[in-house]
Amino acid sequence: MAAHDGLGIDFHHDWARKPWAKAVRSVLLEVITKPLNSLFAPATVTGLHHLEGLDGPCIFVANHASHVDTSTMLNRLPRRFAHHMVIAAAADYFFDKKGKATFWALTLNAIPVERTKIDRRSAVVAQTLIEEGWNLMIFPEGGRSVDGRMQPFKPGAAFLACRTGVPVVPVYLDGTRAILAKSVPGERHHLLRRHHVRVAIGAPLVPGDGATARRFAPLIQVAVIAASNGRAVLADDAEVSESDD
């Protein structure tokens, strides 16, 4: 798409944080999103004690296997986080058409980000919103897993944490793929179905002095894996360690 068409990374979304848009989004979350998600994704939540004493802003990171991951997290996080959340969404997928971009910006407070690289413009926008007090939800794999195995984490979340110094909260989602899996071209599309999920919240990570995205990103993935309590299965190229030294 052309850089001047107002879509993709160029989509203007400041309006989605105006008071009227925030009010609409809060009503949608409480009246529609939460009841529907509770119906299709009844959940067991562990680790909420890790959020005690945290008021935000925070960066929430999680594995990604389904389009219901976002609503599942918003439904289970305390209101002080869920109602003041920005969702990092793929610019090429959620912001490729004006109607679609407007819908996701309004309903989820989604902002477009490049998922194949750290884009300076989207990084500056996300950093500014964090510094203004917004929480950020991001799926560092860059896309939904096709088979449920965790893909390597991209450095965007780590980069923002190092730039802002805010805590990163690791979350492991288990069971969402059974509700709505990513469709594979040439195969039958998956249908929405009810399934129990587990939402495991890990201890927050804070980048230390001199931390870099390259070194901090593996620590975030290790924390998400640890939160899974042994349920996470890694893709062949997603092996991580706590240090790259």
C-alpha atoms as a PDB file:
ATOM      1  CA  MET A   1       0.000   0.000   0.000  1.00  0.00           C
ATOM      2  CA  ALA A   2       1.188   3.492  -0.692  1.00  0.00           C
ATOM      3  CA  ALA A   3       2.793   5.431   2.122  1.00  0.00           C
ATOM      4  CA  HIS A   4       0.378   8.326   1.623  1.00  0.00           C
ATOM      5  CA  ASP A   5      -2.892   6.371   1.725  1.00  0.00           C
ATOM      6  CA  GLY A   6      -3.341   6.805   5.469  1.00  0.00           C
ATOM      7  CA  LEU A   7      -3.320   3.066   6.106  1.00  0.00           C
ATOM      8  CA  GLY A   8      -0.847   0.646   7.592  1.00  0.00           C
ATOM      9  CA  ILE A   9       1.781   2.320   9.686  1.00  0.00           C
ATOM     10  CA  ASP A  10       0.468   5.733   8.543  1.00  0.00           C
ATOM     11  CA  PHE A  11      -3.014   5.298   9.997  1.00  0.00           C
ATOM     12  CA  HIS A  12      -3.975   8.202  12.267  1.00  0.00           C
ATOM     13  CA  HIS A  13      -5.321   6.844  15.543  1.00  0.00           C
ATOM     14  CA  ASP A  14      -5.023   9.702  18.047  1.00  0.00           C
ATOM     15  CA  TRP A  15      -8.806  10.082  17.953  1.00  0.00           C
ATOM     16  CA  ALA A  16      -9.163   6.592  19.462  1.00  0.00           C
ATOM     17  CA  ARG A  17      -7.913   7.946  22.794  1.00  0.00           C
ATOM     18  CA  LYS A  18     -10.334  10.858  22.956  1.00  0.00           C
ATOM     19  CA  PRO A  19     -12.750  10.739  25.939  1.00  0.00           C
ATOM     20  CA  TRP A  20     -15.711   9.721  23.772  1.00  0.00           C
ATOM     21  CA  ALA A  21     -13.767   6.841  22.188  1.00  0.00           C
ATOM     22  CA  LYS A  22     -12.523   5.652  25.580  1.00  0.00           C
ATOM     23  CA  ALA A  23     -16.104   5.671  26.864  1.00  0.00           C
ATOM     24  CA  VAL A  24     -17.358   3.664  23.878  1.00  0.00           C
ATOM     25  CA  ARG A  25     -14.524   1.170  24.256  1.00  0.00           C
ATOM     26  CA  SER A  26     -15.175   0.707  27.987  1.00  0.00           C
ATOM     27  CA  VAL A  27     -18.839  -0.045  27.354  1.00  0.00           C
ATOM     28  CA  LEU A  28     -17.989  -2.491  24.559  1.00  0.00           C
ATOM     29  CA  LEU A  29     -15.456  -4.257  26.769  1.00  0.00           C
ATOM     30  CA  GLU A  30     -17.806  -4.671  29.714  1.00  0.00           C
ATOM     31  CA  VAL A  31     -21.074  -5.304  27.844  1.00  0.00           C
ATOM     32  CA  ILE A  32     -19.978  -7.314  24.794  1.00  0.00           C
ATOM     33  CA  THR A  33     -16.346  -8.433  24.818  1.00  0.00           C
ATOM     34  CA  LYS A  34     -16.163  -9.777  28.367  1.00  0.00           C
ATOM     35  CA  PRO A  35     -19.429 -11.759  28.286  1.00  0.00           C
ATOM     36  CA  LEU A  36     -18.610 -13.294  24.904  1.00  0.00           C
ATOM     37  CA  ASN A  37     -15.071 -14.169  25.930  1.00  0.00           C
ATOM     38  CA  SER A  38     -16.281 -15.659  29.214  1.00  0.00           C
ATOM     39  CA  LEU A  39     -18.728 -17.794  27.240  1.00  0.00           C
ATOM     40  CA  PHE A  40     -16.229 -19.156  24.734  1.00  0.00           C
ATOM     41  CA  ALA A  41     -13.095 -19.024  26.910  1.00  0.00           C
ATOM     42  CA  PRO A  42     -13.885 -19.868  30.538  1.00  0.00           C
ATOM     43  CA  ALA A  43     -10.564 -19.433  32.274  1.00  0.00           C
ATOM     44  CA  THR A  44      -8.383 -20.359  35.184  1.00  0.00           C
ATOM     45  CA  VAL A  45      -6.148 -17.408  36.072  1.00  0.00           C
ATOM     46  CA  THR A  46      -2.989 -17.686  38.133  1.00  0.00           C
ATOM     47  CA  GLY A  47      -0.399 -15.142  39.159  1.00  0.00           C
ATOM     48  CA  LEU A  48      -2.654 -12.127  39.725  1.00  0.00           C
ATOM     49  CA  HIS A  49      -0.663 -11.469  42.894  1.00  0.00           C
ATOM     50  CA  HIS A  50       2.228 -10.432  40.656  1.00  0.00           C
ATOM     51  CA  LEU A  51       0.213  -7.348  39.698  1.00  0.00           C
ATOM     52  CA  GLU A  52      -0.239  -6.184  43.275  1.00  0.00           C
ATOM     53  CA  GLY A  53       1.479  -2.852  43.776  1.00  0.00           C
ATOM     54  CA  LEU A  54       1.606  -2.204  40.026  1.00  0.00           C
ATOM     55  CA  ASP A  55      -0.556   0.628  38.754  1.00  0.00           C
ATOM     56  CA  GLY A  56       1.034   1.022  35.342  1.00  0.00           C
ATOM     57  CA  PRO A  57       2.174   1.731  32.895  1.00  0.00           C
ATOM     58  CA  CYS A  58       3.294  -1.805  32.102  1.00  0.00           C
ATOM     59  CA  ILE A  59       4.071  -3.776  28.976  1.00  0.00           C
ATOM     60  CA  PHE A  60       2.143  -7.049  28.844  1.00  0.00           C
ATOM     61  CA  VAL A  61       3.693  -9.716  26.615  1.00  0.00           C
ATOM     62  CA  ALA A  62       2.254 -13.123  25.774  1.00  0.00           C
ATOM     63  CA  ASN A  63       2.524 -16.038  23.396  1.00  0.00           C
ATOM     64  CA  HIS A  64       0.154 -15.796  20.455  1.00  0.00           C
ATOM     65  CA  ALA A  65      -1.908 -18.625  18.988  1.00  0.00           C
ATOM     66  CA  SER A  66      -5.363 -17.161  18.353  1.00  0.00           C
ATOM     67  CA  HIS A  67      -7.328 -14.011  17.596  1.00  0.00           C
ATOM     68  CA  VAL A  68      -9.058 -14.487  20.954  1.00  0.00           C
ATOM     69  CA  ASP A  69      -5.789 -13.932  22.854  1.00  0.00           C
ATOM     70  CA  THR A  70      -6.339 -10.181  23.164  1.00  0.00           C
ATOM     71  CA  SER A  71      -9.882 -10.393  24.512  1.00  0.00           C
ATOM     72  CA  THR A  72      -8.852 -13.235  26.831  1.00  0.00           C
ATOM     73  CA  MET A  73      -6.169 -11.071  28.406  1.00  0.00           C
ATOM     74  CA  LEU A  74      -8.334  -7.955  28.606  1.00  0.00           C
ATOM     75  CA  ASN A  75     -11.084  -9.996  30.256  1.00  0.00           C
ATOM     76  CA  ARG A  76      -8.806 -11.293  33.011  1.00  0.00           C
ATOM     77  CA  LEU A  77      -6.630  -8.287  33.809  1.00  0.00           C
ATOM     78  CA  PRO A  78      -7.715  -5.826  36.511  1.00  0.00           C
ATOM     79  CA  ARG A  79      -9.713  -2.870  35.206  1.00  0.00           C
ATOM     80  CA  ARG A  80      -6.896  -0.418  35.963  1.00  0.00           C
ATOM     81  CA  PHE A  81      -4.907  -2.158  33.235  1.00  0.00           C
ATOM     82  CA  ALA A  82      -7.604  -3.387  30.837  1.00  0.00           C
ATOM     83  CA  HIS A  83      -9.366  -0.029  30.567  1.00  0.00           C
ATOM     84  CA  HIS A  84      -6.162   1.867  29.892  1.00  0.00           C
ATOM     85  CA  MET A  85      -4.522  -0.473  27.381  1.00  0.00           C
ATOM     86  CA  VAL A  86      -3.038   0.046  23.929  1.00  0.00           C
ATOM     87  CA  ILE A  87      -2.786  -3.029  21.692  1.00  0.00           C
ATOM     88  CA  ALA A  88       0.158  -3.335  19.332  1.00  0.00           C
ATOM     89  CA  ALA A  89      -1.331  -4.796  16.134  1.00  0.00           C
ATOM     90  CA  ALA A  90       0.230  -5.767  12.819  1.00  0.00           C
ATOM     91  CA  ALA A  91       0.054  -2.810  10.440  1.00  0.00           C
ATOM     92  CA  ASP A  92      -0.179  -5.018   7.362  1.00  0.00           C
ATOM     93  CA  TYR A  93      -3.050  -7.140   8.714  1.00  0.00           C
ATOM     94  CA  PHE A  94      -5.278  -4.975  10.911  1.00  0.00           C
ATOM     95  CA  PHE A  95      -4.692  -1.655   9.171  1.00  0.00           C
ATOM     96  CA  ASP A  96      -4.805  -2.562   5.478  1.00  0.00           C
ATOM     97  CA  LYS A  97      -8.336  -1.204   4.936  1.00  0.00           C
ATOM     98  CA  LYS A  98      -9.913   1.972   6.295  1.00  0.00           C
ATOM     99  CA  GLY A  99     -12.983   0.326   7.795  1.00  0.00           C
ATOM    100  CA  LYS A 100     -10.993  -2.447   9.424  1.00  0.00           C
ATOM    101  CA  ALA A 101      -8.398  -0.018  10.780  1.00  0.00           C
ATOM    102  CA  THR A 102     -11.065   2.255  12.242  1.00  0.00           C
ATOM    103  CA  PHE A 103     -12.884  -0.693  13.835  1.00  0.00           C
ATOM    104  CA  TRP A 104      -9.798  -2.053  15.614  1.00  0.00           C
ATOM    105  CA  ALA A 105      -8.592   1.381  16.687  1.00  0.00           C
ATOM    106  CA  LEU A 106     -11.959   2.120  18.281  1.00  0.00           C
ATOM    107  CA  THR A 107     -12.778  -1.252  19.835  1.00  0.00           C
ATOM    108  CA  LEU A 108      -9.304  -2.258  21.047  1.00  0.00           C
ATOM    109  CA  ASN A 109      -7.306   0.990  21.013  1.00  0.00           C
ATOM    110  CA  ALA A 110      -5.057  -0.823  18.554  1.00  0.00           C
ATOM    111  CA  ILE A 111      -2.065   0.954  17.047  1.00  0.00           C
ATOM    112  CA  PRO A 112      -0.224  -0.217  13.913  1.00  0.00           C
ATOM    113  CA  VAL A 113       3.255  -1.661  14.323  1.00  0.00           C
ATOM    114  CA  GLU A 114       5.636  -3.308  11.920  1.00  0.00           C
ATOM    115  CA  ARG A 115       6.000  -6.970  12.825  1.00  0.00           C
ATOM    116  CA  THR A 116       9.029  -7.773  10.688  1.00  0.00           C
ATOM    117  CA  LYS A 117      11.318  -5.086  12.111  1.00  0.00           C
ATOM    118  CA  ILE A 118      11.604  -2.285  14.651  1.00  0.00           C
ATOM    119  CA  ASP A 119      10.104   0.689  12.844  1.00  0.00           C
ATOM    120  CA  ARG A 120      11.167   4.052  14.222  1.00  0.00           C
ATOM    121  CA  ARG A 121       7.767   5.692  13.767  1.00  0.00           C
ATOM    122  CA  SER A 122       5.730   2.976  15.437  1.00  0.00           C
ATOM    123  CA  ALA A 123       8.329   2.639  18.198  1.00  0.00           C
ATOM    124  CA  VAL A 124       8.183   6.375  18.914  1.00  0.00           C
ATOM    125  CA  VAL A 125       4.377   6.294  19.035  1.00  0.00           C
ATOM    126  CA  ALA A 126       4.338   3.314  21.393  1.00  0.00           C
ATOM    127  CA  GLN A 127       7.026   4.850  23.595  1.00  0.00           C
ATOM    128  CA  THR A 128       5.137   8.142  23.782  1.00  0.00           C
ATOM    129  CA  LEU A 129       1.908   6.396  24.788  1.00  0.00           C
ATOM    130  CA  ILE A 130       3.709   4.424  27.495  1.00  0.00           C
ATOM    131  CA  GLU A 131       5.270   7.620  28.812  1.00  0.00           C
ATOM    132  CA  GLU A 132       1.778   9.176  28.868  1.00  0.00           C
ATOM    133  CA  GLY A 133       0.663   6.374  31.185  1.00  0.00           C
ATOM    134  CA  TRP A 134      -0.895   3.859  28.791  1.00  0.00           C
ATOM    135  CA  ASN A 135      -0.282   0.150  29.264  1.00  0.00           C
ATOM    136  CA  LEU A 136       0.798  -1.764  26.177  1.00  0.00           C
ATOM    137  CA  MET A 137      -0.126  -5.293  25.119  1.00  0.00           C
ATOM    138  CA  ILE A 138       2.173  -6.878  22.575  1.00  0.00           C
ATOM    139  CA  PHE A 139       2.669 -10.359  21.156  1.00  0.00           C
ATOM    140  CA  PRO A 140       6.424 -10.565  20.469  1.00  0.00           C
ATOM    141  CA  GLU A 141       6.187 -13.574  18.151  1.00  0.00           C
ATOM    142  CA  GLY A 142       4.899 -11.158  15.500  1.00  0.00           C
ATOM    143  CA  GLY A 143       1.954 -13.340  14.505  1.00  0.00           C
ATOM    144  CA  ARG A 144      -0.160 -16.300  15.546  1.00  0.00           C
ATOM    145  CA  SER A 145       1.480 -19.690  15.796  1.00  0.00           C
ATOM    146  CA  VAL A 146       0.191 -22.134  13.190  1.00  0.00           C
ATOM    147  CA  ASP A 147       0.760 -25.243  15.298  1.00  0.00           C
ATOM    148  CA  GLY A 148       0.742 -23.872  18.838  1.00  0.00           C
ATOM    149  CA  ARG A 149       4.502 -23.963  19.247  1.00  0.00           C
ATOM    150  CA  MET A 150       6.064 -20.734  20.470  1.00  0.00           C
ATOM    151  CA  GLN A 151       8.031 -18.822  17.853  1.00  0.00           C
ATOM    152  CA  PRO A 152      11.151 -16.718  18.565  1.00  0.00           C
ATOM    153  CA  PHE A 153      10.364 -13.389  20.226  1.00  0.00           C
ATOM    154  CA  LYS A 154      11.104 -10.266  18.240  1.00  0.00           C
ATOM    155  CA  PRO A 155      12.839  -7.431  20.125  1.00  0.00           C
ATOM    156  CA  GLY A 156      10.105  -4.758  19.991  1.00  0.00           C
ATOM    157  CA  ALA A 157       8.787  -5.244  23.537  1.00  0.00           C
ATOM    158  CA  ALA A 158      12.304  -5.427  24.932  1.00  0.00           C
ATOM    159  CA  PHE A 159      13.285  -2.285  23.017  1.00  0.00           C
ATOM    160  CA  LEU A 160      10.354  -0.326  24.453  1.00  0.00           C
ATOM    161  CA  ALA A 161      11.021  -1.596  27.969  1.00  0.00           C
ATOM    162  CA  CYS A 162      14.646  -0.539  27.766  1.00  0.00           C
ATOM    163  CA  ARG A 163      13.671   2.881  26.421  1.00  0.00           C
ATOM    164  CA  THR A 164      10.958   3.551  29.008  1.00  0.00           C
ATOM    165  CA  GLY A 165      12.125   1.533  32.015  1.00  0.00           C
ATOM    166  CA  VAL A 166       8.604   0.223  32.703  1.00  0.00           C
ATOM    167  CA  PRO A 167       7.964  -3.327  33.941  1.00  0.00           C
ATOM    168  CA  VAL A 168       7.295  -6.128  31.478  1.00  0.00           C
ATOM    169  CA  VAL A 169       4.617  -8.568  32.637  1.00  0.00           C
ATOM    170  CA  PRO A 170       4.986 -12.026  31.039  1.00  0.00           C
ATOM    171  CA  VAL A 171       1.783 -13.956  30.374  1.00  0.00           C
ATOM    172  CA  TYR A 172       1.310 -17.469  29.077  1.00  0.00           C
ATOM    173  CA  LEU A 173      -1.973 -18.325  27.365  1.00  0.00           C
ATOM    174  CA  ASP A 174      -2.931 -21.977  27.093  1.00  0.00           C
ATOM    175  CA  GLY A 175      -5.972 -23.263  25.217  1.00  0.00           C
ATOM    176  CA  THR A 176      -6.904 -20.294  23.042  1.00  0.00           C
ATOM    177  CA  ARG A 177      -5.812 -22.067  19.866  1.00  0.00           C
ATOM    178  CA  ALA A 178      -8.515 -24.683  20.495  1.00  0.00           C
ATOM    179  CA  ILE A 179     -11.118 -21.883  20.421  1.00  0.00           C
ATOM    180  CA  LEU A 180     -10.011 -20.287  17.173  1.00  0.00           C
ATOM    181  CA  ALA A 181      -6.844 -21.497  15.485  1.00  0.00           C
ATOM    182  CA  LYS A 182      -5.068 -19.714  12.678  1.00  0.00           C
ATOM    183  CA  SER A 183      -6.385 -20.898   9.327  1.00  0.00           C
ATOM    184  CA  VAL A 184      -3.926 -22.358   6.850  1.00  0.00           C
ATOM    185  CA  PRO A 185      -4.433 -21.642   3.121  1.00  0.00           C
ATOM    186  CA  GLY A 186      -5.840 -24.669   1.343  1.00  0.00           C
ATOM    187  CA  GLU A 187      -7.259 -26.172   4.507  1.00  0.00           C
ATOM    188  CA  ARG A 188     -10.729 -25.920   6.025  1.00  0.00           C
ATOM    189  CA  HIS A 189     -11.191 -22.752   8.058  1.00  0.00           C
ATOM    190  CA  HIS A 190     -11.440 -23.195  11.789  1.00  0.00           C
ATOM    191  CA  LEU A 191     -14.701 -22.315  13.514  1.00  0.00           C
ATOM    192  CA  LEU A 192     -15.124 -20.637  16.873  1.00  0.00           C
ATOM    193  CA  ARG A 193     -15.785 -23.157  19.634  1.00  0.00           C
ATOM    194  CA  ARG A 194     -15.831 -23.178  23.424  1.00  0.00           C
ATOM    195  CA  HIS A 195     -12.763 -24.335  25.320  1.00  0.00           C
ATOM    196  CA  HIS A 196     -11.289 -23.824  28.766  1.00  0.00           C
ATOM    197  CA  VAL A 197      -8.145 -21.679  28.863  1.00  0.00           C
ATOM    198  CA  ARG A 198      -5.402 -20.959  31.363  1.00  0.00           C
ATOM    199  CA  VAL A 199      -3.973 -17.494  31.847  1.00  0.00           C
ATOM    200  CA  ALA A 200      -0.712 -17.579  33.782  1.00  0.00           C
ATOM    201  CA  ILE A 201       0.757 -14.240  34.825  1.00  0.00           C
ATOM    202  CA  GLY A 202       4.440 -14.210  35.689  1.00  0.00           C
ATOM    203  CA  ALA A 203       6.532 -11.918  37.847  1.00  0.00           C
ATOM    204  CA  PRO A 204       7.260  -8.532  36.237  1.00  0.00           C
ATOM    205  CA  LEU A 205      10.668  -7.939  34.718  1.00  0.00           C
ATOM    206  CA  VAL A 206      12.386  -4.569  34.866  1.00  0.00           C
ATOM    207  CA  PRO A 207      15.310  -3.854  32.528  1.00  0.00           C
ATOM    208  CA  GLY A 208      18.412  -3.003  34.493  1.00  0.00           C
ATOM    209  CA  ASP A 209      20.801  -0.162  33.872  1.00  0.00           C
ATOM    210  CA  GLY A 210      22.500  -0.594  30.532  1.00  0.00           C
ATOM    211  CA  ALA A 211      20.056  -3.259  29.377  1.00  0.00           C
ATOM    212  CA  THR A 212      19.722  -3.703  25.620  1.00  0.00           C
ATOM    213  CA  ALA A 213      16.857  -5.102  23.596  1.00  0.00           C
ATOM    214  CA  ARG A 214      19.107  -7.860  22.250  1.00  0.00           C
ATOM    215  CA  ARG A 215      19.861  -9.106  25.748  1.00  0.00           C
ATOM    216  CA  PHE A 216      16.501  -8.373  27.334  1.00  0.00           C
ATOM    217  CA  ALA A 217      14.298 -10.032  24.684  1.00  0.00           C
ATOM    218  CA  PRO A 218      15.447 -13.596  25.525  1.00  0.00           C
ATOM    219  CA  LEU A 219      14.799 -12.923  29.215  1.00  0.00           C
ATOM    220  CA  ILE A 220      11.215 -11.972  28.390  1.00  0.00           C
ATOM    221  CA  GLN A 221      10.665 -15.184  26.439  1.00  0.00           C
ATOM    222  CA  VAL A 222      12.234 -17.241  29.226  1.00  0.00           C
ATOM    223  CA  ALA A 223       9.809 -15.590  31.670  1.00  0.00           C
ATOM    224  CA  VAL A 224       6.793 -16.427  29.470  1.00  0.00           C
ATOM    225  CA  ILE A 225       8.018 -20.027  29.208  1.00  0.00           C
ATOM    226  CA  ALA A 226       8.486 -20.174  32.982  1.00  0.00           C
ATOM    227  CA  ALA A 227       4.932 -18.887  33.503  1.00  0.00           C
ATOM    228  CA  SER A 228       3.649 -21.798  31.397  1.00  0.00           C
ATOM    229  CA  ASN A 229       4.763 -24.250  34.105  1.00  0.00           C
ATOM    230  CA  GLY A 230       6.087 -26.668  31.518  1.00  0.00           C
ATOM    231  CA  ARG A 231       3.207 -26.352  29.040  1.00  0.00           C
ATOM    232  CA  ALA A 232       5.054 -24.228  26.481  1.00  0.00           C
ATOM    233  CA  VAL A 233       6.369 -26.050  23.420  1.00  0.00           C
ATOM    234  CA  LEU A 234       8.994 -24.205  21.403  1.00  0.00           C
ATOM    235  CA  ALA A 235       9.433 -24.182  17.656  1.00  0.00           C
ATOM    236  CA  ASP A 236      12.694 -25.649  16.451  1.00  0.00           C
ATOM    237  CA  ASP A 237      14.197 -22.191  15.886  1.00  0.00           C
ATOM    238  CA  ALA A 238      12.918 -20.678  19.137  1.00  0.00           C
ATOM    239  CA  GLU A 239      15.443 -22.049  21.568  1.00  0.00           C
ATOM    240  CA  VAL A 240      16.327 -19.303  24.052  1.00  0.00           C
ATOM    241  CA  SER A 241      18.685 -18.845  26.941  1.00  0.00           C
ATOM    242  CA  GLU A 242      18.888 -16.293  29.706  1.00  0.00           C
ATOM    243  CA  SER A 243      22.088 -14.783  28.364  1.00  0.00           C
ATOM    244  CA  ASP A 244      23.615 -14.327  24.975  1.00  0.00           C
ATOM    245  CA  ASP A 245      27.110 -13.808  26.361  1.00  0.00           C
END
